[in-house]
Amino acid sequence: MTEKEKQLQQEEAVDVNPAETEATEEKAKAEETCGCTEGCESKAETAGCEKKTAKKQCKTDKKEKQYKEQIEQLEDKVKRQLAEFENFRNRTEKEKQSMFEMGAKSVIEKMLPVVDNFERGLQTVPEDKKEDPFVDGMNRIYKQLLTELEAIGVKQIEALGQEFDPNLHNAVMQVASEEYESGQVAQELLKGYTYRDSVVRHTMVAVVE
């Protein structure tokens, strides 16, 4: 190799400075640690970048916590409103049912004297007249009336021979009886009726002494 060629090789060769190499490696490590796209120039900048990242993450976590609390509050509010609505609906249904029953009982109370008059009238018919068309027609109407009342929940209270019950019977007199024991109903003076297990009219009775 000639002297000229050696000289060209020396000129093309690049001198490597150890200090510059160390700085380059440190910079690369800093960029990898903090994730900066522009790169950090020193360890101090790396620490600052990490601090900013942690602070940003803290703010994000705080916001997520606030959002979660708001969602829980809204869910609790919705549940409370649904519960209040359900209570209101149940209360309304009960009130409506109560009003319906009160109205029905009022109508039934007014119809019972009609039933009583039918019974009194049919009881006065002589035996030889019970087959008359007019009497037969009245008897059919009376039975139809009782059937319709029973269909809507009206029932006659059993009294004769039963133990006196103040919730169902109204004792107006005491009598002696060989057929019934003391405290039992010996006579039924006026029939009583219930509507859906609620007493519309107590049975007027005579009780054995």
N, C-alpha and C. Protein backbone atom coordinates (compact mmCIF):
# COMPACT_ATOMS: atom_id res chain seq x y z
N MET A 1 0.87 -1.19 0.00
CA MET A 1 0.00 0.00 0.00
C MET A 1 0.90 1.23 0.00
N THR A 2 0.55 2.15 -0.80
CA THR A 2 1.38 3.35 -0.92
C THR A 2 1.09 4.31 0.19
N GLU A 3 1.92 5.28 0.34
CA GLU A 3 1.77 6.29 1.38
C GLU A 3 0.53 7.12 1.14
N LYS A 4 0.20 7.29 -0.13
CA LYS A 4 -0.98 8.11 -0.46
C LYS A 4 -2.26 7.41 -0.03
N GLU A 5 -2.32 6.07 -0.25
CA GLU A 5 -3.51 5.32 0.12
C GLU A 5 -3.68 5.28 1.63
N LYS A 6 -2.58 5.12 2.38
CA LYS A 6 -2.65 5.16 3.84
C LYS A 6 -3.19 6.48 4.32
N GLN A 7 -2.77 7.55 3.69
CA GLN A 7 -3.21 8.88 4.09
C GLN A 7 -4.70 9.04 3.86
N LEU A 8 -5.24 8.50 2.76
CA LEU A 8 -6.68 8.59 2.47
C LEU A 8 -7.50 7.81 3.50
N GLN A 9 -6.98 6.63 3.89
CA GLN A 9 -7.69 5.84 4.89
C GLN A 9 -7.77 6.55 6.23
N GLN A 10 -6.70 7.24 6.59
CA GLN A 10 -6.68 7.98 7.86
C GLN A 10 -7.66 9.15 7.83
N GLU A 11 -7.78 9.77 6.65
CA GLU A 11 -8.71 10.90 6.54
C GLU A 11 -10.16 10.43 6.61
N GLU A 12 -10.45 9.23 6.01
CA GLU A 12 -11.83 8.73 6.03
C GLU A 12 -12.23 8.15 7.39
N ALA A 13 -11.27 7.71 8.13
CA ALA A 13 -11.57 7.12 9.45
C ALA A 13 -12.16 8.17 10.37
N VAL A 14 -13.13 7.72 11.21
CA VAL A 14 -13.81 8.64 12.15
C VAL A 14 -13.30 8.40 13.54
N ASP A 15 -12.82 9.44 14.18
CA ASP A 15 -12.33 9.33 15.55
C ASP A 15 -13.51 9.25 16.49
N VAL A 16 -13.50 8.21 17.36
CA VAL A 16 -14.61 8.02 18.33
C VAL A 16 -14.19 8.56 19.67
N ASN A 17 -15.00 9.51 20.20
CA ASN A 17 -14.74 10.12 21.50
C ASN A 17 -15.53 9.36 22.57
N PRO A 18 -14.84 8.76 23.54
CA PRO A 18 -15.54 7.98 24.59
C PRO A 18 -16.59 8.79 25.33
N ALA A 19 -16.36 10.06 25.59
CA ALA A 19 -17.31 10.89 26.32
C ALA A 19 -18.60 11.06 25.54
N GLU A 20 -18.44 11.29 24.20
CA GLU A 20 -19.62 11.46 23.36
C GLU A 20 -20.43 10.16 23.30
N THR A 21 -19.74 9.03 23.25
CA THR A 21 -20.43 7.74 23.21
C THR A 21 -21.26 7.51 24.46
N GLU A 22 -20.71 7.85 25.63
CA GLU A 22 -21.42 7.68 26.90
C GLU A 22 -22.65 8.57 26.98
N ALA A 23 -22.50 9.81 26.46
CA ALA A 23 -23.63 10.74 26.48
C ALA A 23 -24.77 10.24 25.59
N THR A 24 -24.37 9.69 24.45
CA THR A 24 -25.39 9.15 23.51
C THR A 24 -26.15 8.00 24.14
N GLU A 25 -25.44 7.10 24.81
CA GLU A 25 -26.10 5.96 25.45
C GLU A 25 -27.03 6.41 26.57
N GLU A 26 -26.58 7.41 27.34
CA GLU A 26 -27.39 7.92 28.47
C GLU A 26 -28.68 8.54 27.95
N LYS A 27 -28.54 9.26 26.81
CA LYS A 27 -29.72 9.89 26.22
C LYS A 27 -30.73 8.86 25.75
N ALA A 28 -30.22 7.80 25.14
CA ALA A 28 -31.10 6.72 24.65
C ALA A 28 -31.83 6.05 25.80
N LYS A 29 -31.11 5.80 26.92
CA LYS A 29 -31.75 5.19 28.09
C LYS A 29 -32.83 6.09 28.66
N ALA A 30 -32.58 7.41 28.68
CA ALA A 30 -33.55 8.37 29.20
C ALA A 30 -34.83 8.37 28.38
N GLU A 31 -34.62 8.33 27.03
CA GLU A 31 -35.78 8.30 26.15
C GLU A 31 -36.60 7.04 26.38
N GLU A 32 -35.92 5.92 26.58
CA GLU A 32 -36.62 4.66 26.79
C GLU A 32 -37.36 4.65 28.11
N THR A 33 -36.81 5.28 29.15
CA THR A 33 -37.40 5.28 30.49
C THR A 33 -38.65 6.14 30.57
N CYS A 34 -38.60 7.37 30.07
CA CYS A 34 -39.69 8.31 30.25
C CYS A 34 -40.69 8.29 29.11
N GLY A 35 -40.30 7.72 27.98
CA GLY A 35 -41.23 7.62 26.86
C GLY A 35 -41.37 8.89 26.08
N CYS A 36 -40.49 9.84 26.20
CA CYS A 36 -40.58 11.10 25.47
C CYS A 36 -40.22 10.88 24.00
N THR A 37 -40.89 11.54 23.13
CA THR A 37 -40.59 11.41 21.70
C THR A 37 -39.45 12.33 21.30
N GLU A 38 -39.30 13.41 22.01
CA GLU A 38 -38.25 14.35 21.66
C GLU A 38 -36.93 14.04 22.34
N GLY A 39 -37.00 13.18 23.38
CA GLY A 39 -35.76 12.80 24.07
C GLY A 39 -35.46 13.70 25.24
N CYS A 40 -34.78 13.14 26.27
CA CYS A 40 -34.39 13.90 27.45
C CYS A 40 -32.89 14.11 27.42
N GLU A 41 -32.48 15.23 27.86
CA GLU A 41 -31.07 15.60 27.76
C GLU A 41 -30.27 15.21 28.98
N SER A 42 -30.94 14.83 30.11
CA SER A 42 -30.20 14.51 31.32
C SER A 42 -31.05 13.65 32.24
N LYS A 43 -30.45 13.16 33.32
CA LYS A 43 -31.18 12.38 34.31
C LYS A 43 -32.22 13.23 35.01
N ALA A 44 -31.97 14.51 35.19
CA ALA A 44 -32.93 15.41 35.83
C ALA A 44 -34.19 15.53 35.00
N GLU A 45 -34.01 15.63 33.67
CA GLU A 45 -35.16 15.72 32.79
C GLU A 45 -35.94 14.41 32.80
N THR A 46 -35.25 13.27 32.92
CA THR A 46 -35.91 11.97 33.00
C THR A 46 -36.80 11.88 34.23
N ALA A 47 -36.28 12.30 35.37
CA ALA A 47 -37.04 12.29 36.62
C ALA A 47 -38.26 13.20 36.53
N GLY A 48 -38.08 14.37 35.91
CA GLY A 48 -39.19 15.31 35.76
C GLY A 48 -40.29 14.74 34.88
N CYS A 49 -39.88 14.04 33.83
CA CYS A 49 -40.86 13.43 32.93
C CYS A 49 -41.65 12.35 33.65
N GLU A 50 -40.97 11.53 34.45
CA GLU A 50 -41.64 10.48 35.21
C GLU A 50 -42.62 11.08 36.21
N LYS A 51 -42.27 12.19 36.80
CA LYS A 51 -43.14 12.86 37.77
C LYS A 51 -44.40 13.38 37.10
N LYS A 52 -44.22 13.95 35.90
CA LYS A 52 -45.38 14.44 35.16
C LYS A 52 -46.31 13.29 34.78
N THR A 53 -45.73 12.17 34.38
CA THR A 53 -46.53 11.00 34.01
C THR A 53 -47.33 10.48 35.20
N ALA A 54 -46.69 10.41 36.37
CA ALA A 54 -47.37 9.96 37.59
C ALA A 54 -48.49 10.91 37.99
N LYS A 55 -48.21 12.22 37.83
CA LYS A 55 -49.22 13.23 38.18
C LYS A 55 -50.43 13.13 37.26
N LYS A 56 -50.17 12.90 35.98
CA LYS A 56 -51.24 12.76 35.00
C LYS A 56 -52.08 11.51 35.30
N GLN A 57 -51.42 10.42 35.67
CA GLN A 57 -52.13 9.19 36.01
C GLN A 57 -52.98 9.38 37.26
N CYS A 58 -52.46 10.14 38.21
CA CYS A 58 -53.19 10.41 39.45
C CYS A 58 -54.48 11.19 39.15
N LYS A 59 -54.37 12.19 38.26
CA LYS A 59 -55.56 12.96 37.88
C LYS A 59 -56.59 12.07 37.19
N THR A 60 -56.09 11.18 36.33
CA THR A 60 -56.99 10.26 35.63
C THR A 60 -57.73 9.36 36.60
N ASP A 61 -56.99 8.82 37.58
CA ASP A 61 -57.61 7.94 38.59
C ASP A 61 -58.65 8.68 39.42
N LYS A 62 -58.34 9.95 39.73
CA LYS A 62 -59.25 10.76 40.53
C LYS A 62 -60.56 11.01 39.77
N LYS A 63 -60.43 11.31 38.48
CA LYS A 63 -61.62 11.54 37.66
C LYS A 63 -62.46 10.26 37.54
N GLU A 64 -61.79 9.13 37.36
CA GLU A 64 -62.51 7.86 37.27
C GLU A 64 -63.26 7.56 38.56
N LYS A 65 -62.66 7.87 39.69
CA LYS A 65 -63.31 7.67 40.97
C LYS A 65 -64.53 8.56 41.12
N GLN A 66 -64.41 9.82 40.69
CA GLN A 66 -65.53 10.75 40.75
C GLN A 66 -66.68 10.28 39.86
N TYR A 67 -66.35 9.82 38.65
CA TYR A 67 -67.37 9.33 37.73
C TYR A 67 -68.08 8.10 38.32
N LYS A 68 -67.30 7.23 38.95
CA LYS A 68 -67.87 6.03 39.56
C LYS A 68 -68.83 6.39 40.69
N GLU A 69 -68.45 7.38 41.52
CA GLU A 69 -69.32 7.82 42.60
C GLU A 69 -70.61 8.44 42.05
N GLN A 70 -70.49 9.23 40.97
CA GLN A 70 -71.67 9.83 40.37
C GLN A 70 -72.61 8.77 39.81
N ILE A 71 -72.05 7.74 39.18
CA ILE A 71 -72.86 6.65 38.64
C ILE A 71 -73.59 5.92 39.75
N GLU A 72 -72.89 5.65 40.86
CA GLU A 72 -73.51 4.97 42.00
C GLU A 72 -74.64 5.80 42.59
N GLN A 73 -74.43 7.12 42.67
CA GLN A 73 -75.47 8.01 43.20
C GLN A 73 -76.71 8.00 42.30
N LEU A 74 -76.47 8.04 40.99
CA LEU A 74 -77.59 8.01 40.05
C LEU A 74 -78.35 6.68 40.12
N GLU A 75 -77.59 5.58 40.22
CA GLU A 75 -78.23 4.28 40.33
C GLU A 75 -79.07 4.18 41.61
N ASP A 76 -78.54 4.69 42.71
CA ASP A 76 -79.28 4.68 43.97
C ASP A 76 -80.55 5.54 43.87
N LYS A 77 -80.44 6.68 43.19
CA LYS A 77 -81.59 7.57 43.02
C LYS A 77 -82.67 6.89 42.18
N VAL A 78 -82.26 6.20 41.12
CA VAL A 78 -83.22 5.50 40.27
C VAL A 78 -83.92 4.39 41.05
N LYS A 79 -83.15 3.63 41.85
CA LYS A 79 -83.73 2.56 42.65
C LYS A 79 -84.76 3.11 43.64
N ARG A 80 -84.43 4.24 44.26
CA ARG A 80 -85.36 4.85 45.22
C ARG A 80 -86.65 5.29 44.53
N GLN A 81 -86.49 5.90 43.36
CA GLN A 81 -87.68 6.35 42.63
C GLN A 81 -88.54 5.18 42.19
N LEU A 82 -87.91 4.09 41.76
CA LEU A 82 -88.66 2.90 41.37
C LEU A 82 -89.41 2.32 42.57
N ALA A 83 -88.75 2.30 43.74
CA ALA A 83 -89.39 1.78 44.94
C ALA A 83 -90.57 2.67 45.35
N GLU A 84 -90.40 3.99 45.25
CA GLU A 84 -91.49 4.91 45.59
C GLU A 84 -92.67 4.74 44.63
N PHE A 85 -92.35 4.54 43.35
CA PHE A 85 -93.41 4.35 42.36
C PHE A 85 -94.17 3.05 42.63
N GLU A 86 -93.44 1.99 43.00
CA GLU A 86 -94.07 0.71 43.30
C GLU A 86 -94.98 0.83 44.52
N ASN A 87 -94.52 1.55 45.55
CA ASN A 87 -95.34 1.76 46.74
C ASN A 87 -96.59 2.58 46.40
N PHE A 88 -96.40 3.60 45.56
CA PHE A 88 -97.53 4.43 45.14
C PHE A 88 -98.55 3.61 44.36
N ARG A 89 -98.07 2.73 43.47
CA ARG A 89 -98.97 1.90 42.68
C ARG A 89 -99.74 0.93 43.57
N ASN A 90 -99.04 0.30 44.53
CA ASN A 90 -99.71 -0.63 45.45
C ASN A 90 -100.75 0.10 46.30
N ARG A 91 -100.36 1.28 46.79
CA ARG A 91 -101.29 2.06 47.62
C ARG A 91 -102.52 2.47 46.81
N THR A 92 -102.29 2.86 45.55
CA THR A 92 -103.41 3.26 44.69
C THR A 92 -104.34 2.09 44.42
N GLU A 93 -103.75 0.91 44.18
CA GLU A 93 -104.57 -0.27 43.93
C GLU A 93 -105.42 -0.62 45.15
N LYS A 94 -104.81 -0.52 46.34
CA LYS A 94 -105.56 -0.82 47.56
C LYS A 94 -106.69 0.19 47.77
N GLU A 95 -106.40 1.45 47.52
CA GLU A 95 -107.42 2.48 47.69
C GLU A 95 -108.56 2.28 46.68
N LYS A 96 -108.18 1.94 45.44
CA LYS A 96 -109.20 1.70 44.42
C LYS A 96 -110.06 0.50 44.78
N GLN A 97 -109.42 -0.57 45.27
CA GLN A 97 -110.16 -1.76 45.67
C GLN A 97 -111.07 -1.47 46.85
N SER A 98 -110.54 -0.68 47.79
CA SER A 98 -111.33 -0.32 48.97
C SER A 98 -112.55 0.51 48.58
N MET A 99 -112.35 1.46 47.67
CA MET A 99 -113.47 2.29 47.21
C MET A 99 -114.50 1.45 46.46
N PHE A 100 -114.02 0.50 45.65
CA PHE A 100 -114.93 -0.37 44.91
C PHE A 100 -115.77 -1.21 45.87
N GLU A 101 -115.14 -1.77 46.89
CA GLU A 101 -115.85 -2.60 47.85
C GLU A 101 -116.86 -1.78 48.66
N MET A 102 -116.45 -0.55 49.01
CA MET A 102 -117.38 0.32 49.75
C MET A 102 -118.61 0.63 48.91
N GLY A 103 -118.37 0.91 47.60
CA GLY A 103 -119.50 1.19 46.71
C GLY A 103 -120.39 -0.03 46.54
N ALA A 104 -119.75 -1.20 46.38
CA ALA A 104 -120.52 -2.44 46.21
C ALA A 104 -121.33 -2.75 47.46
N LYS A 105 -120.72 -2.59 48.62
CA LYS A 105 -121.43 -2.86 49.88
C LYS A 105 -122.62 -1.92 50.05
N SER A 106 -122.43 -0.67 49.62
CA SER A 106 -123.52 0.29 49.73
C SER A 106 -124.71 -0.12 48.87
N VAL A 107 -124.42 -0.60 47.66
CA VAL A 107 -125.50 -1.05 46.77
C VAL A 107 -126.16 -2.31 47.32
N ILE A 108 -125.36 -3.22 47.84
CA ILE A 108 -125.90 -4.47 48.39
C ILE A 108 -126.80 -4.20 49.59
N GLU A 109 -126.39 -3.27 50.45
CA GLU A 109 -127.20 -2.93 51.61
C GLU A 109 -128.58 -2.42 51.20
N LYS A 110 -128.61 -1.70 50.08
CA LYS A 110 -129.90 -1.17 49.60
C LYS A 110 -130.75 -2.27 48.95
N MET A 111 -130.12 -3.32 48.46
CA MET A 111 -130.85 -4.41 47.80
C MET A 111 -131.40 -5.42 48.80
N LEU A 112 -130.74 -5.54 49.95
CA LEU A 112 -131.17 -6.55 50.93
C LEU A 112 -132.61 -6.37 51.41
N PRO A 113 -133.09 -5.14 51.66
CA PRO A 113 -134.51 -4.99 52.03
C PRO A 113 -135.46 -5.51 50.95
N VAL A 114 -135.06 -5.41 49.68
CA VAL A 114 -135.88 -5.96 48.60
C VAL A 114 -135.96 -7.48 48.72
N VAL A 115 -134.81 -8.09 49.03
CA VAL A 115 -134.79 -9.54 49.23
C VAL A 115 -135.68 -9.92 50.42
N ASP A 116 -135.61 -9.15 51.49
CA ASP A 116 -136.43 -9.42 52.68
C ASP A 116 -137.92 -9.35 52.33
N ASN A 117 -138.29 -8.35 51.54
CA ASN A 117 -139.70 -8.20 51.18
C ASN A 117 -140.18 -9.34 50.29
N PHE A 118 -139.32 -9.81 49.40
CA PHE A 118 -139.68 -10.98 48.60
C PHE A 118 -139.96 -12.17 49.51
N GLU A 119 -139.09 -12.39 50.49
CA GLU A 119 -139.25 -13.53 51.40
C GLU A 119 -140.55 -13.42 52.21
N ARG A 120 -140.81 -12.22 52.72
CA ARG A 120 -142.02 -12.02 53.52
C ARG A 120 -143.27 -12.24 52.66
N GLY A 121 -143.21 -11.71 51.44
CA GLY A 121 -144.38 -11.86 50.56
C GLY A 121 -144.62 -13.31 50.19
N LEU A 122 -143.55 -14.07 49.90
CA LEU A 122 -143.72 -15.48 49.52
C LEU A 122 -144.17 -16.33 50.70
N GLN A 123 -143.77 -15.93 51.93
CA GLN A 123 -144.18 -16.70 53.11
C GLN A 123 -145.66 -16.55 53.41
N THR A 124 -146.28 -15.49 52.97
CA THR A 124 -147.71 -15.26 53.24
C THR A 124 -148.63 -15.92 52.21
N VAL A 125 -148.04 -16.50 51.19
CA VAL A 125 -148.86 -17.13 50.15
C VAL A 125 -149.45 -18.44 50.70
N PRO A 126 -150.74 -18.63 50.60
CA PRO A 126 -151.35 -19.90 51.07
C PRO A 126 -150.87 -21.09 50.25
N GLU A 127 -150.95 -22.24 50.83
CA GLU A 127 -150.48 -23.45 50.20
C GLU A 127 -151.20 -23.73 48.88
N ASP A 128 -152.48 -23.45 48.83
CA ASP A 128 -153.24 -23.74 47.62
C ASP A 128 -153.01 -22.72 46.51
N LYS A 129 -152.27 -21.63 46.83
CA LYS A 129 -152.01 -20.61 45.83
C LYS A 129 -150.55 -20.62 45.32
N LYS A 130 -149.72 -21.50 45.86
CA LYS A 130 -148.30 -21.49 45.52
C LYS A 130 -148.03 -21.92 44.08
N GLU A 131 -148.97 -22.59 43.46
CA GLU A 131 -148.79 -23.04 42.09
C GLU A 131 -149.33 -22.03 41.07
N ASP A 132 -149.88 -20.94 41.56
CA ASP A 132 -150.39 -19.92 40.64
C ASP A 132 -149.26 -19.33 39.81
N PRO A 133 -149.50 -18.98 38.54
CA PRO A 133 -148.45 -18.41 37.69
C PRO A 133 -147.80 -17.15 38.26
N PHE A 134 -148.63 -16.31 38.89
CA PHE A 134 -148.07 -15.07 39.46
C PHE A 134 -147.10 -15.39 40.59
N VAL A 135 -147.48 -16.26 41.49
CA VAL A 135 -146.63 -16.63 42.61
C VAL A 135 -145.37 -17.34 42.11
N ASP A 136 -145.55 -18.20 41.12
CA ASP A 136 -144.39 -18.89 40.54
C ASP A 136 -143.41 -17.90 39.91
N GLY A 137 -143.95 -16.88 39.25
CA GLY A 137 -143.09 -15.85 38.64
C GLY A 137 -142.31 -15.08 39.70
N MET A 138 -142.97 -14.70 40.80
CA MET A 138 -142.30 -13.98 41.88
C MET A 138 -141.20 -14.83 42.53
N ASN A 139 -141.51 -16.12 42.66
CA ASN A 139 -140.53 -17.03 43.24
C ASN A 139 -139.30 -17.16 42.35
N ARG A 140 -139.50 -17.19 41.04
CA ARG A 140 -138.38 -17.27 40.10
C ARG A 140 -137.52 -16.00 40.14
N ILE A 141 -138.17 -14.86 40.24
CA ILE A 141 -137.42 -13.59 40.33
C ILE A 141 -136.60 -13.55 41.62
N TYR A 142 -137.21 -14.02 42.70
CA TYR A 142 -136.50 -14.05 44.00
C TYR A 142 -135.26 -14.93 43.91
N LYS A 143 -135.39 -16.12 43.33
CA LYS A 143 -134.25 -17.03 43.20
C LYS A 143 -133.17 -16.46 42.28
N GLN A 144 -133.60 -15.78 41.21
CA GLN A 144 -132.63 -15.16 40.30
C GLN A 144 -131.86 -14.05 41.00
N LEU A 145 -132.55 -13.30 41.83
CA LEU A 145 -131.90 -12.22 42.58
C LEU A 145 -130.83 -12.78 43.52
N LEU A 146 -131.16 -13.86 44.22
CA LEU A 146 -130.20 -14.49 45.11
C LEU A 146 -129.00 -15.05 44.33
N THR A 147 -129.27 -15.62 43.15
CA THR A 147 -128.19 -16.19 42.33
C THR A 147 -127.23 -15.10 41.88
N GLU A 148 -127.75 -13.95 41.46
CA GLU A 148 -126.90 -12.85 41.01
C GLU A 148 -126.08 -12.27 42.16
N LEU A 149 -126.70 -12.19 43.34
CA LEU A 149 -125.97 -11.69 44.51
C LEU A 149 -124.82 -12.64 44.88
N GLU A 150 -125.12 -13.92 44.82
CA GLU A 150 -124.09 -14.91 45.13
C GLU A 150 -122.95 -14.87 44.11
N ALA A 151 -123.28 -14.57 42.85
CA ALA A 151 -122.27 -14.52 41.79
C ALA A 151 -121.25 -13.40 42.01
N ILE A 152 -121.65 -12.33 42.68
CA ILE A 152 -120.73 -11.21 42.92
C ILE A 152 -120.05 -11.31 44.29
N GLY A 153 -120.33 -12.41 45.02
CA GLY A 153 -119.64 -12.63 46.29
C GLY A 153 -120.48 -12.44 47.54
N VAL A 154 -121.79 -12.29 47.37
CA VAL A 154 -122.67 -12.11 48.53
C VAL A 154 -123.14 -13.49 49.01
N LYS A 155 -122.96 -13.75 50.31
CA LYS A 155 -123.36 -15.03 50.88
C LYS A 155 -124.19 -14.81 52.14
N GLN A 156 -125.13 -15.73 52.36
CA GLN A 156 -125.95 -15.65 53.56
C GLN A 156 -125.17 -16.23 54.74
N ILE A 157 -125.30 -15.59 55.91
CA ILE A 157 -124.61 -16.04 57.12
C ILE A 157 -125.42 -17.16 57.76
N GLU A 158 -124.76 -18.28 58.04
CA GLU A 158 -125.43 -19.38 58.74
C GLU A 158 -125.60 -19.02 60.21
N ALA A 159 -126.76 -19.19 60.72
CA ALA A 159 -127.02 -18.78 62.10
C ALA A 159 -127.74 -19.85 62.91
N LEU A 160 -128.81 -20.40 62.39
CA LEU A 160 -129.64 -21.32 63.16
C LEU A 160 -128.85 -22.55 63.60
N GLY A 161 -128.81 -22.76 64.93
CA GLY A 161 -128.09 -23.90 65.49
C GLY A 161 -126.60 -23.65 65.67
N GLN A 162 -126.11 -22.49 65.24
CA GLN A 162 -124.69 -22.17 65.37
C GLN A 162 -124.40 -21.50 66.72
N GLU A 163 -123.16 -21.62 67.15
CA GLU A 163 -122.74 -20.91 68.37
C GLU A 163 -122.78 -19.42 68.11
N PHE A 164 -123.31 -18.69 69.07
CA PHE A 164 -123.43 -17.24 68.89
C PHE A 164 -122.06 -16.60 68.67
N ASP A 165 -121.95 -15.82 67.61
CA ASP A 165 -120.70 -15.14 67.25
C ASP A 165 -121.02 -13.66 67.07
N PRO A 166 -120.52 -12.81 67.97
CA PRO A 166 -120.84 -11.37 67.88
C PRO A 166 -120.32 -10.72 66.59
N ASN A 167 -119.35 -11.37 65.92
CA ASN A 167 -118.85 -10.81 64.67
C ASN A 167 -119.82 -11.05 63.51
N LEU A 168 -120.72 -12.03 63.68
CA LEU A 168 -121.66 -12.36 62.62
C LEU A 168 -123.11 -12.18 63.02
N HIS A 169 -123.39 -12.30 64.32
CA HIS A 169 -124.78 -12.30 64.80
C HIS A 169 -125.06 -11.08 65.68
N ASN A 170 -126.31 -10.69 65.67
CA ASN A 170 -126.78 -9.61 66.53
C ASN A 170 -127.92 -10.15 67.39
N ALA A 171 -127.61 -10.44 68.66
CA ALA A 171 -128.62 -11.04 69.56
C ALA A 171 -129.56 -9.96 70.06
N VAL A 172 -130.85 -10.16 69.84
CA VAL A 172 -131.85 -9.17 70.26
C VAL A 172 -132.72 -9.71 71.39
N MET A 173 -132.62 -11.03 71.64
CA MET A 173 -133.43 -11.61 72.72
C MET A 173 -132.86 -12.98 73.11
N GLN A 174 -133.24 -13.45 74.30
CA GLN A 174 -132.88 -14.78 74.79
C GLN A 174 -134.15 -15.61 74.95
N VAL A 175 -134.02 -16.87 74.59
CA VAL A 175 -135.20 -17.75 74.66
C VAL A 175 -134.79 -19.09 75.29
N ALA A 176 -135.80 -19.81 75.77
CA ALA A 176 -135.58 -21.17 76.28
C ALA A 176 -135.79 -22.14 75.13
N SER A 177 -134.99 -23.21 75.11
CA SER A 177 -135.11 -24.17 74.02
C SER A 177 -134.69 -25.55 74.49
N GLU A 178 -135.43 -26.57 74.07
CA GLU A 178 -135.05 -27.94 74.34
C GLU A 178 -134.25 -28.55 73.20
N GLU A 179 -134.31 -27.88 72.05
CA GLU A 179 -133.62 -28.38 70.85
C GLU A 179 -132.16 -27.95 70.80
N TYR A 180 -131.90 -26.74 71.28
CA TYR A 180 -130.54 -26.18 71.19
C TYR A 180 -129.96 -25.95 72.58
N GLU A 181 -128.64 -25.94 72.67
CA GLU A 181 -127.95 -25.74 73.94
C GLU A 181 -127.78 -24.25 74.22
N SER A 182 -127.36 -23.96 75.44
CA SER A 182 -127.16 -22.57 75.84
C SER A 182 -126.05 -21.93 75.00
N GLY A 183 -126.35 -20.73 74.55
CA GLY A 183 -125.36 -20.00 73.75
C GLY A 183 -125.51 -20.21 72.26
N GLN A 184 -126.42 -21.13 71.86
CA GLN A 184 -126.65 -21.37 70.44
C GLN A 184 -127.83 -20.52 69.95
N VAL A 185 -127.82 -20.31 68.63
CA VAL A 185 -128.89 -19.52 68.01
C VAL A 185 -130.11 -20.41 67.81
N ALA A 186 -131.23 -19.99 68.42
CA ALA A 186 -132.46 -20.78 68.34
C ALA A 186 -133.40 -20.24 67.28
N GLN A 187 -133.35 -18.96 67.00
CA GLN A 187 -134.24 -18.36 66.00
C GLN A 187 -133.45 -17.36 65.15
N GLU A 188 -133.82 -17.31 63.87
CA GLU A 188 -133.23 -16.35 62.93
C GLU A 188 -134.31 -15.34 62.57
N LEU A 189 -134.20 -14.15 63.12
CA LEU A 189 -135.25 -13.13 62.94
C LEU A 189 -135.05 -12.32 61.66
N LEU A 190 -133.81 -12.08 61.29
CA LEU A 190 -133.51 -11.35 60.05
C LEU A 190 -132.17 -11.86 59.50
N LYS A 191 -132.18 -12.31 58.27
CA LYS A 191 -130.98 -12.90 57.68
C LYS A 191 -129.85 -11.87 57.53
N GLY A 192 -128.64 -12.39 57.76
CA GLY A 192 -127.46 -11.55 57.57
C GLY A 192 -126.66 -12.01 56.36
N TYR A 193 -125.85 -11.11 55.84
CA TYR A 193 -125.10 -11.42 54.62
C TYR A 193 -123.67 -10.87 54.71
N THR A 194 -122.78 -11.55 54.00
CA THR A 194 -121.39 -11.08 53.88
C THR A 194 -121.08 -10.81 52.41
N TYR A 195 -120.10 -9.92 52.20
CA TYR A 195 -119.61 -9.64 50.84
C TYR A 195 -118.09 -9.78 50.85
N ARG A 196 -117.61 -10.83 50.18
CA ARG A 196 -116.16 -11.10 50.13
C ARG A 196 -115.56 -11.16 51.53
N ASP A 197 -116.17 -11.93 52.39
CA ASP A 197 -115.71 -12.17 53.77
C ASP A 197 -115.85 -10.93 54.66
N SER A 198 -116.55 -9.93 54.19
CA SER A 198 -116.81 -8.74 55.00
C SER A 198 -118.31 -8.67 55.28
N VAL A 199 -118.67 -8.46 56.54
CA VAL A 199 -120.09 -8.47 56.93
C VAL A 199 -120.78 -7.22 56.39
N VAL A 200 -121.86 -7.47 55.64
CA VAL A 200 -122.68 -6.36 55.14
C VAL A 200 -123.80 -6.06 56.14
N ARG A 201 -124.41 -7.15 56.64
CA ARG A 201 -125.46 -7.00 57.65
C ARG A 201 -125.41 -8.20 58.58
N HIS A 202 -125.39 -7.93 59.88
CA HIS A 202 -125.38 -9.01 60.87
C HIS A 202 -126.74 -9.72 60.90
N THR A 203 -126.70 -10.98 61.22
CA THR A 203 -127.95 -11.75 61.36
C THR A 203 -128.61 -11.42 62.71
N MET A 204 -129.87 -11.05 62.66
CA MET A 204 -130.61 -10.76 63.89
C MET A 204 -131.15 -12.08 64.44
N VAL A 205 -130.74 -12.42 65.68
CA VAL A 205 -131.05 -13.76 66.19
C VAL A 205 -131.57 -13.70 67.63
N ALA A 206 -132.14 -14.87 68.00
CA ALA A 206 -132.53 -15.12 69.40
C ALA A 206 -131.64 -16.25 69.90
N VAL A 207 -131.03 -16.04 71.06
CA VAL A 207 -130.05 -16.99 71.59
C VAL A 207 -130.63 -17.73 72.78
N VAL A 208 -130.27 -19.00 72.89
CA VAL A 208 -130.73 -19.80 74.02
C VAL A 208 -130.05 -19.33 75.29
N GLU A 209 -130.84 -19.24 76.36
CA GLU A 209 -130.33 -18.77 77.65
C GLU A 209 -129.28 -19.73 78.21
